[in-house]
Amino acid sequence: MRRIWDGFLSLIAAIATVAICGVPAWFTYKAIDAGLAPVWVWAAVAALAGVGVIMTLAFLRKAASGVSPSRERPRR
């Protein structure tokens, strides 16, 4: 039961990471597309999106393994 709960918490962390990194990256993209932000901001968008993807994949891996978001190994 503990592994299921820890996996669920990691899934929630993955969803939160998508929201925290994805929403600002999307709106920054839209601002560049509309001409409100300079073109060099693409570097920041790419970095934010890259970090978000890496963290989301890490949390999803932990969710599949039943590991809590703040731990490296499953609890015993």
N, C-alpha and C. Protein backbone atom coordinates (compact mmCIF):
# COMPACT_ATOMS: atom_id res chain seq x y z
N MET A 1 0.83 -1.20 0.00
CA MET A 1 0.00 0.00 0.00
C MET A 1 0.87 1.26 0.00
N ARG A 2 2.01 1.19 0.71
CA ARG A 2 2.89 2.35 0.79
C ARG A 2 3.49 2.68 -0.58
N ARG A 3 3.83 1.64 -1.36
CA ARG A 3 4.42 1.88 -2.68
C ARG A 3 3.39 2.50 -3.62
N ILE A 4 2.13 2.11 -3.49
CA ILE A 4 1.08 2.70 -4.32
C ILE A 4 0.92 4.18 -3.97
N TRP A 5 0.92 4.49 -2.68
CA TRP A 5 0.78 5.87 -2.24
C TRP A 5 1.98 6.71 -2.70
N ASP A 6 3.19 6.18 -2.55
CA ASP A 6 4.38 6.90 -2.98
C ASP A 6 4.38 7.10 -4.49
N GLY A 7 3.93 6.10 -5.24
CA GLY A 7 3.83 6.24 -6.68
C GLY A 7 2.82 7.31 -7.07
N PHE A 8 1.70 7.36 -6.35
CA PHE A 8 0.69 8.38 -6.60
C PHE A 8 1.25 9.77 -6.31
N LEU A 9 2.02 9.91 -5.24
CA LEU A 9 2.63 11.19 -4.92
C LEU A 9 3.63 11.62 -6.01
N SER A 10 4.37 10.66 -6.55
CA SER A 10 5.29 10.98 -7.64
C SER A 10 4.54 11.38 -8.90
N LEU A 11 3.39 10.76 -9.14
CA LEU A 11 2.57 11.15 -10.28
C LEU A 11 2.05 12.57 -10.12
N ILE A 12 1.62 12.91 -8.92
CA ILE A 12 1.17 14.28 -8.64
C ILE A 12 2.32 15.27 -8.85
N ALA A 13 3.53 14.88 -8.42
CA ALA A 13 4.70 15.75 -8.62
C ALA A 13 4.99 15.93 -10.11
N ALA A 14 4.81 14.88 -10.91
CA ALA A 14 5.03 14.99 -12.36
C ALA A 14 4.01 15.94 -12.98
N ILE A 15 2.76 15.85 -12.56
CA ILE A 15 1.72 16.74 -13.09
C ILE A 15 2.00 18.18 -12.68
N ALA A 16 2.43 18.38 -11.44
CA ALA A 16 2.77 19.73 -10.98
C ALA A 16 3.95 20.29 -11.75
N THR A 17 4.93 19.45 -12.06
CA THR A 17 6.09 19.90 -12.83
C THR A 17 5.68 20.34 -14.23
N VAL A 18 4.79 19.59 -14.85
CA VAL A 18 4.30 19.99 -16.18
C VAL A 18 3.61 21.34 -16.10
N ALA A 19 2.81 21.54 -15.07
CA ALA A 19 2.10 22.82 -14.92
C ALA A 19 3.07 23.97 -14.62
N ILE A 20 4.02 23.74 -13.74
CA ILE A 20 4.94 24.79 -13.31
C ILE A 20 5.89 25.18 -14.42
N CYS A 21 6.35 24.22 -15.21
CA CYS A 21 7.28 24.54 -16.30
C CYS A 21 6.59 24.75 -17.63
N GLY A 22 5.51 24.04 -17.87
CA GLY A 22 4.86 24.11 -19.17
C GLY A 22 4.08 25.37 -19.42
N VAL A 23 3.35 25.84 -18.42
CA VAL A 23 2.51 27.03 -18.60
C VAL A 23 3.36 28.27 -18.89
N PRO A 24 4.41 28.56 -18.11
CA PRO A 24 5.23 29.73 -18.46
C PRO A 24 5.93 29.59 -19.81
N ALA A 25 6.38 28.37 -20.14
CA ALA A 25 7.03 28.17 -21.43
C ALA A 25 6.04 28.41 -22.57
N TRP A 26 4.81 27.93 -22.41
CA TRP A 26 3.80 28.13 -23.45
C TRP A 26 3.48 29.61 -23.65
N PHE A 27 3.26 30.33 -22.56
CA PHE A 27 2.91 31.74 -22.69
C PHE A 27 4.09 32.57 -23.18
N THR A 28 5.31 32.17 -22.85
CA THR A 28 6.47 32.86 -23.40
C THR A 28 6.56 32.61 -24.90
N TYR A 29 6.30 31.39 -25.32
CA TYR A 29 6.25 31.08 -26.75
C TYR A 29 5.21 31.94 -27.46
N LYS A 30 4.02 32.06 -26.87
CA LYS A 30 2.98 32.88 -27.47
C LYS A 30 3.39 34.36 -27.52
N ALA A 31 4.12 34.83 -26.50
CA ALA A 31 4.57 36.21 -26.49
C ALA A 31 5.61 36.45 -27.59
N ILE A 32 6.50 35.49 -27.81
CA ILE A 32 7.48 35.62 -28.89
C ILE A 32 6.76 35.60 -30.23
N ASP A 33 5.79 34.72 -30.36
CA ASP A 33 5.03 34.60 -31.61
C ASP A 33 4.26 35.88 -31.92
N ALA A 34 3.78 36.55 -30.90
CA ALA A 34 3.01 37.79 -31.10
C ALA A 34 3.91 39.02 -31.23
N GLY A 35 5.21 38.85 -31.03
CA GLY A 35 6.14 39.96 -31.14
C GLY A 35 6.27 40.78 -29.88
N LEU A 36 5.78 40.28 -28.76
CA LEU A 36 5.87 41.01 -27.50
C LEU A 36 7.19 40.80 -26.77
N ALA A 37 7.89 39.73 -27.11
CA ALA A 37 9.17 39.42 -26.48
C ALA A 37 10.22 39.28 -27.57
N PRO A 38 11.47 39.61 -27.26
CA PRO A 38 12.52 39.49 -28.28
C PRO A 38 12.83 38.03 -28.61
N VAL A 39 13.46 37.84 -29.74
CA VAL A 39 13.73 36.48 -30.23
C VAL A 39 14.72 35.75 -29.34
N TRP A 40 15.64 36.45 -28.67
CA TRP A 40 16.64 35.77 -27.84
C TRP A 40 16.02 35.06 -26.64
N VAL A 41 14.76 35.31 -26.35
CA VAL A 41 14.08 34.65 -25.24
C VAL A 41 13.87 33.16 -25.53
N TRP A 42 14.02 32.77 -26.80
CA TRP A 42 13.91 31.34 -27.15
C TRP A 42 14.87 30.49 -26.32
N ALA A 43 16.04 31.03 -25.99
CA ALA A 43 17.01 30.27 -25.19
C ALA A 43 16.43 29.95 -23.81
N ALA A 44 15.77 30.92 -23.21
CA ALA A 44 15.16 30.70 -21.90
C ALA A 44 13.99 29.72 -21.99
N VAL A 45 13.21 29.83 -23.06
CA VAL A 45 12.08 28.90 -23.24
C VAL A 45 12.59 27.48 -23.42
N ALA A 46 13.64 27.32 -24.21
CA ALA A 46 14.21 25.99 -24.43
C ALA A 46 14.77 25.41 -23.14
N ALA A 47 15.45 26.24 -22.35
CA ALA A 47 16.01 25.76 -21.09
C ALA A 47 14.90 25.36 -20.12
N LEU A 48 13.88 26.19 -19.99
CA LEU A 48 12.77 25.87 -19.09
C LEU A 48 12.04 24.61 -19.52
N ALA A 49 11.78 24.49 -20.81
CA ALA A 49 11.10 23.30 -21.30
C ALA A 49 11.97 22.05 -21.13
N GLY A 50 13.26 22.18 -21.35
CA GLY A 50 14.17 21.03 -21.17
C GLY A 50 14.22 20.56 -19.73
N VAL A 51 14.34 21.49 -18.81
CA VAL A 51 14.35 21.13 -17.40
C VAL A 51 13.02 20.50 -17.00
N GLY A 52 11.92 21.05 -17.51
CA GLY A 52 10.60 20.50 -17.20
C GLY A 52 10.44 19.08 -17.71
N VAL A 53 10.92 18.81 -18.91
CA VAL A 53 10.82 17.46 -19.47
C VAL A 53 11.67 16.48 -18.66
N ILE A 54 12.88 16.87 -18.32
CA ILE A 54 13.76 15.98 -17.54
C ILE A 54 13.15 15.67 -16.18
N MET A 55 12.65 16.70 -15.50
CA MET A 55 12.06 16.47 -14.17
C MET A 55 10.78 15.65 -14.26
N THR A 56 9.96 15.90 -15.28
CA THR A 56 8.73 15.13 -15.44
C THR A 56 9.04 13.66 -15.68
N LEU A 57 10.01 13.37 -16.53
CA LEU A 57 10.38 11.98 -16.78
C LEU A 57 10.94 11.31 -15.53
N ALA A 58 11.69 12.05 -14.73
CA ALA A 58 12.22 11.49 -13.49
C ALA A 58 11.09 11.16 -12.52
N PHE A 59 10.12 12.05 -12.39
CA PHE A 59 9.00 11.78 -11.50
C PHE A 59 8.13 10.63 -12.01
N LEU A 60 7.96 10.54 -13.32
CA LEU A 60 7.18 9.42 -13.87
C LEU A 60 7.90 8.08 -13.66
N ARG A 61 9.23 8.10 -13.76
CA ARG A 61 9.99 6.88 -13.47
C ARG A 61 9.82 6.47 -12.01
N LYS A 62 9.85 7.45 -11.12
CA LYS A 62 9.64 7.16 -9.70
C LYS A 62 8.22 6.67 -9.45
N ALA A 63 7.25 7.25 -10.17
CA ALA A 63 5.86 6.81 -9.99
C ALA A 63 5.71 5.36 -10.43
N ALA A 64 6.35 4.98 -11.52
CA ALA A 64 6.25 3.60 -12.00
C ALA A 64 6.94 2.62 -11.05
N SER A 65 7.97 3.10 -10.35
CA SER A 65 8.69 2.23 -9.41
C SER A 65 8.12 2.27 -8.01
N GLY A 66 7.20 3.17 -7.74
CA GLY A 66 6.62 3.27 -6.40
C GLY A 66 7.52 3.97 -5.41
N VAL A 67 8.28 4.95 -5.88
CA VAL A 67 9.20 5.69 -5.03
C VAL A 67 8.63 7.07 -4.77
N SER A 68 8.71 7.52 -3.54
CA SER A 68 8.23 8.85 -3.18
C SER A 68 9.06 9.92 -3.89
N PRO A 69 8.48 11.08 -4.18
CA PRO A 69 9.22 12.12 -4.92
C PRO A 69 10.48 12.60 -4.20
N SER A 70 10.50 12.54 -2.88
CA SER A 70 11.64 13.06 -2.13
C SER A 70 12.65 11.98 -1.75
N ARG A 71 12.48 10.77 -2.25
CA ARG A 71 13.39 9.68 -1.92
C ARG A 71 14.07 9.14 -3.17
N GLU A 72 15.17 8.43 -2.95
CA GLU A 72 15.88 7.81 -4.07
C GLU A 72 15.52 6.35 -4.24
N ARG A 73 15.16 5.70 -3.15
CA ARG A 73 14.82 4.27 -3.18
C ARG A 73 13.46 4.07 -2.51
N PRO A 74 12.81 2.97 -2.80
CA PRO A 74 11.53 2.69 -2.14
C PRO A 74 11.70 2.50 -0.64
N ARG A 75 10.69 2.88 0.10
CA ARG A 75 10.71 2.63 1.56
C ARG A 75 10.50 1.17 1.83
N ARG A 76 11.01 0.71 2.93
CA ARG A 76 10.84 -0.70 3.32
C ARG A 76 9.88 -0.81 4.48
